[in-house]
Amino acid sequence: MLKKYNITKGNILAHELIGLRVKVVKSTDKSREGIEGIIIDETKNTIKIESNKREEILPKKEVTLQIELPSGEKTIVKCEKIMFRPEDRTKVFGGK
């Protein structure tokens, strides 16, 4: 039987981020602040979101995101703390 895991504020860093709704709440490039959309891709150094039918590539070292969890709850993530490949990040923060 498969175990189902819920994404929470406590375990968000260990989960897949693609598909989650986000908003840039802080950036070293002030023109990026306020950008909202859905994460469509992630690499070690960037997060790509679809915003208003455009794709925006955000450098992780420069942005802080508000992420909306599937439950509707929102949490803040400083992306410089998740500068790992997604598959490595889940191992680092997931404890596996």
C-alpha atoms as a PDB file:
ATOM      1  CA  MET A   1       0.000   0.000   0.000  1.00  0.00           C
ATOM      2  CA  LEU A   2       1.340   3.432  -0.945  1.00  0.00           C
ATOM      3  CA  LYS A   3       1.714   6.014   1.766  1.00  0.00           C
ATOM      4  CA  LYS A   4       0.377   9.465   0.887  1.00  0.00           C
ATOM      5  CA  TYR A   5       2.369  12.479   2.068  1.00  0.00           C
ATOM      6  CA  ASN A   6       0.854  15.903   2.608  1.00  0.00           C
ATOM      7  CA  ILE A   7       2.883  18.985   1.805  1.00  0.00           C
ATOM      8  CA  THR A   8       3.135  21.205   4.885  1.00  0.00           C
ATOM      9  CA  LYS A   9       5.153  24.220   6.026  1.00  0.00           C
ATOM     10  CA  GLY A  10       7.353  21.792   7.919  1.00  0.00           C
ATOM     11  CA  ASN A  11       8.243  19.579   4.961  1.00  0.00           C
ATOM     12  CA  ILE A  12       7.888  21.856   1.912  1.00  0.00           C
ATOM     13  CA  LEU A  13      11.654  21.884   1.279  1.00  0.00           C
ATOM     14  CA  ALA A  14      11.661  18.098   0.818  1.00  0.00           C
ATOM     15  CA  HIS A  15       8.829  18.102  -1.734  1.00  0.00           C
ATOM     16  CA  GLU A  16       8.417  18.645  -5.439  1.00  0.00           C
ATOM     17  CA  LEU A  17       7.613  22.305  -6.082  1.00  0.00           C
ATOM     18  CA  ILE A  18       6.413  22.010  -9.692  1.00  0.00           C
ATOM     19  CA  GLY A  19       2.716  22.791  -9.918  1.00  0.00           C
ATOM     20  CA  LEU A  20       2.575  25.012  -6.839  1.00  0.00           C
ATOM     21  CA  ARG A  21       1.373  28.629  -7.007  1.00  0.00           C
ATOM     22  CA  VAL A  22       3.982  31.206  -5.963  1.00  0.00           C
ATOM     23  CA  LYS A  23       4.536  34.932  -5.570  1.00  0.00           C
ATOM     24  CA  VAL A  24       7.905  36.708  -5.431  1.00  0.00           C
ATOM     25  CA  VAL A  25       7.823  38.649  -2.153  1.00  0.00           C
ATOM     26  CA  LYS A  26      11.465  39.738  -2.123  1.00  0.00           C
ATOM     27  CA  SER A  27      14.174  39.948  -4.763  1.00  0.00           C
ATOM     28  CA  THR A  28      17.511  41.642  -5.281  1.00  0.00           C
ATOM     29  CA  ASP A  29      15.982  42.682  -8.625  1.00  0.00           C
ATOM     30  CA  LYS A  30      13.034  44.804  -7.460  1.00  0.00           C
ATOM     31  CA  SER A  31      11.332  44.440 -10.875  1.00  0.00           C
ATOM     32  CA  ARG A  32      10.692  40.765 -10.034  1.00  0.00           C
ATOM     33  CA  GLU A  33       8.838  41.496  -6.798  1.00  0.00           C
ATOM     34  CA  GLY A  34       5.134  40.784  -7.141  1.00  0.00           C
ATOM     35  CA  ILE A  35       5.490  38.286  -9.997  1.00  0.00           C
ATOM     36  CA  GLU A  36       2.952  35.493  -9.471  1.00  0.00           C
ATOM     37  CA  GLY A  37       2.419  32.210 -11.228  1.00  0.00           C
ATOM     38  CA  ILE A  38       2.787  28.454 -11.134  1.00  0.00           C
ATOM     39  CA  ILE A  39       6.142  26.689 -10.932  1.00  0.00           C
ATOM     40  CA  ILE A  40       6.660  24.768 -14.177  1.00  0.00           C
ATOM     41  CA  ASP A  41      10.331  23.775 -13.848  1.00  0.00           C
ATOM     42  CA  GLU A  42      13.200  23.839 -11.381  1.00  0.00           C
ATOM     43  CA  THR A  43      16.960  23.422 -11.665  1.00  0.00           C
ATOM     44  CA  LYS A  44      19.748  23.712  -9.119  1.00  0.00           C
ATOM     45  CA  ASN A  45      19.968  27.478  -9.608  1.00  0.00           C
ATOM     46  CA  THR A  46      16.615  28.572 -11.030  1.00  0.00           C
ATOM     47  CA  ILE A  47      12.865  28.289 -10.716  1.00  0.00           C
ATOM     48  CA  LYS A  48      10.745  28.779 -13.840  1.00  0.00           C
ATOM     49  CA  ILE A  49       7.195  29.999 -13.404  1.00  0.00           C
ATOM     50  CA  GLU A  50       4.365  30.594 -15.832  1.00  0.00           C
ATOM     51  CA  SER A  51       2.966  34.054 -15.192  1.00  0.00           C
ATOM     52  CA  ASN A  52       0.302  35.665 -17.358  1.00  0.00           C
ATOM     53  CA  LYS A  53       1.018  33.223 -20.219  1.00  0.00           C
ATOM     54  CA  ARG A  54       4.731  34.107 -20.058  1.00  0.00           C
ATOM     55  CA  GLU A  55       7.604  32.144 -18.622  1.00  0.00           C
ATOM     56  CA  GLU A  56       9.767  33.842 -15.995  1.00  0.00           C
ATOM     57  CA  ILE A  57      13.098  32.360 -14.921  1.00  0.00           C
ATOM     58  CA  LEU A  58      13.987  33.323 -11.374  1.00  0.00           C
ATOM     59  CA  PRO A  59      17.507  32.840  -9.972  1.00  0.00           C
ATOM     60  CA  LYS A  60      17.144  31.046  -6.636  1.00  0.00           C
ATOM     61  CA  LYS A  61      19.931  33.069  -5.011  1.00  0.00           C
ATOM     62  CA  GLU A  62      17.991  36.289  -5.642  1.00  0.00           C
ATOM     63  CA  VAL A  63      14.382  35.558  -4.620  1.00  0.00           C
ATOM     64  CA  THR A  64      12.149  34.800  -1.665  1.00  0.00           C
ATOM     65  CA  LEU A  65       8.850  33.163  -2.579  1.00  0.00           C
ATOM     66  CA  GLN A  66       5.473  32.896  -0.946  1.00  0.00           C
ATOM     67  CA  ILE A  67       4.328  29.387  -1.815  1.00  0.00           C
ATOM     68  CA  GLU A  68       0.709  28.294  -1.653  1.00  0.00           C
ATOM     69  CA  LEU A  69       0.407  24.737  -0.407  1.00  0.00           C
ATOM     70  CA  PRO A  70      -2.298  22.385  -1.748  1.00  0.00           C
ATOM     71  CA  SER A  71      -4.224  23.011   1.500  1.00  0.00           C
ATOM     72  CA  GLY A  72      -4.394  26.735   0.655  1.00  0.00           C
ATOM     73  CA  GLU A  73      -1.984  27.602   3.462  1.00  0.00           C
ATOM     74  CA  LYS A  74       0.898  29.907   2.468  1.00  0.00           C
ATOM     75  CA  THR A  75       4.542  29.775   3.515  1.00  0.00           C
ATOM     76  CA  ILE A  76       7.671  31.802   2.777  1.00  0.00           C
ATOM     77  CA  VAL A  77      10.811  30.170   1.333  1.00  0.00           C
ATOM     78  CA  LYS A  78      14.171  31.890   0.846  1.00  0.00           C
ATOM     79  CA  CYS A  79      15.240  30.149  -2.339  1.00  0.00           C
ATOM     80  CA  GLU A  80      18.958  30.534  -1.627  1.00  0.00           C
ATOM     81  CA  LYS A  81      18.390  27.795   0.986  1.00  0.00           C
ATOM     82  CA  ILE A  82      17.164  25.345  -1.666  1.00  0.00           C
ATOM     83  CA  MET A  83      19.991  25.687  -4.173  1.00  0.00           C
ATOM     84  CA  PHE A  84      20.093  21.984  -4.935  1.00  0.00           C
ATOM     85  CA  ARG A  85      18.886  19.938  -7.854  1.00  0.00           C
ATOM     86  CA  PRO A  86      15.288  18.995  -7.015  1.00  0.00           C
ATOM     87  CA  GLU A  87      16.147  15.310  -6.661  1.00  0.00           C
ATOM     88  CA  ASP A  88      19.044  16.136  -4.316  1.00  0.00           C
ATOM     89  CA  ARG A  89      16.994  18.649  -2.298  1.00  0.00           C
ATOM     90  CA  THR A  90      14.424  16.002  -1.458  1.00  0.00           C
ATOM     91  CA  LYS A  91      17.222  13.779  -0.111  1.00  0.00           C
ATOM     92  CA  VAL A  92      18.850  16.588   1.911  1.00  0.00           C
ATOM     93  CA  PHE A  93      15.639  17.848   3.526  1.00  0.00           C
ATOM     94  CA  GLY A  94      13.760  14.559   3.487  1.00  0.00           C
ATOM     95  CA  GLY A  95      16.328  12.711   5.538  1.00  0.00           C
ATOM     96  CA  LYS A  96      16.727   9.821   3.080  1.00  0.00           C
END
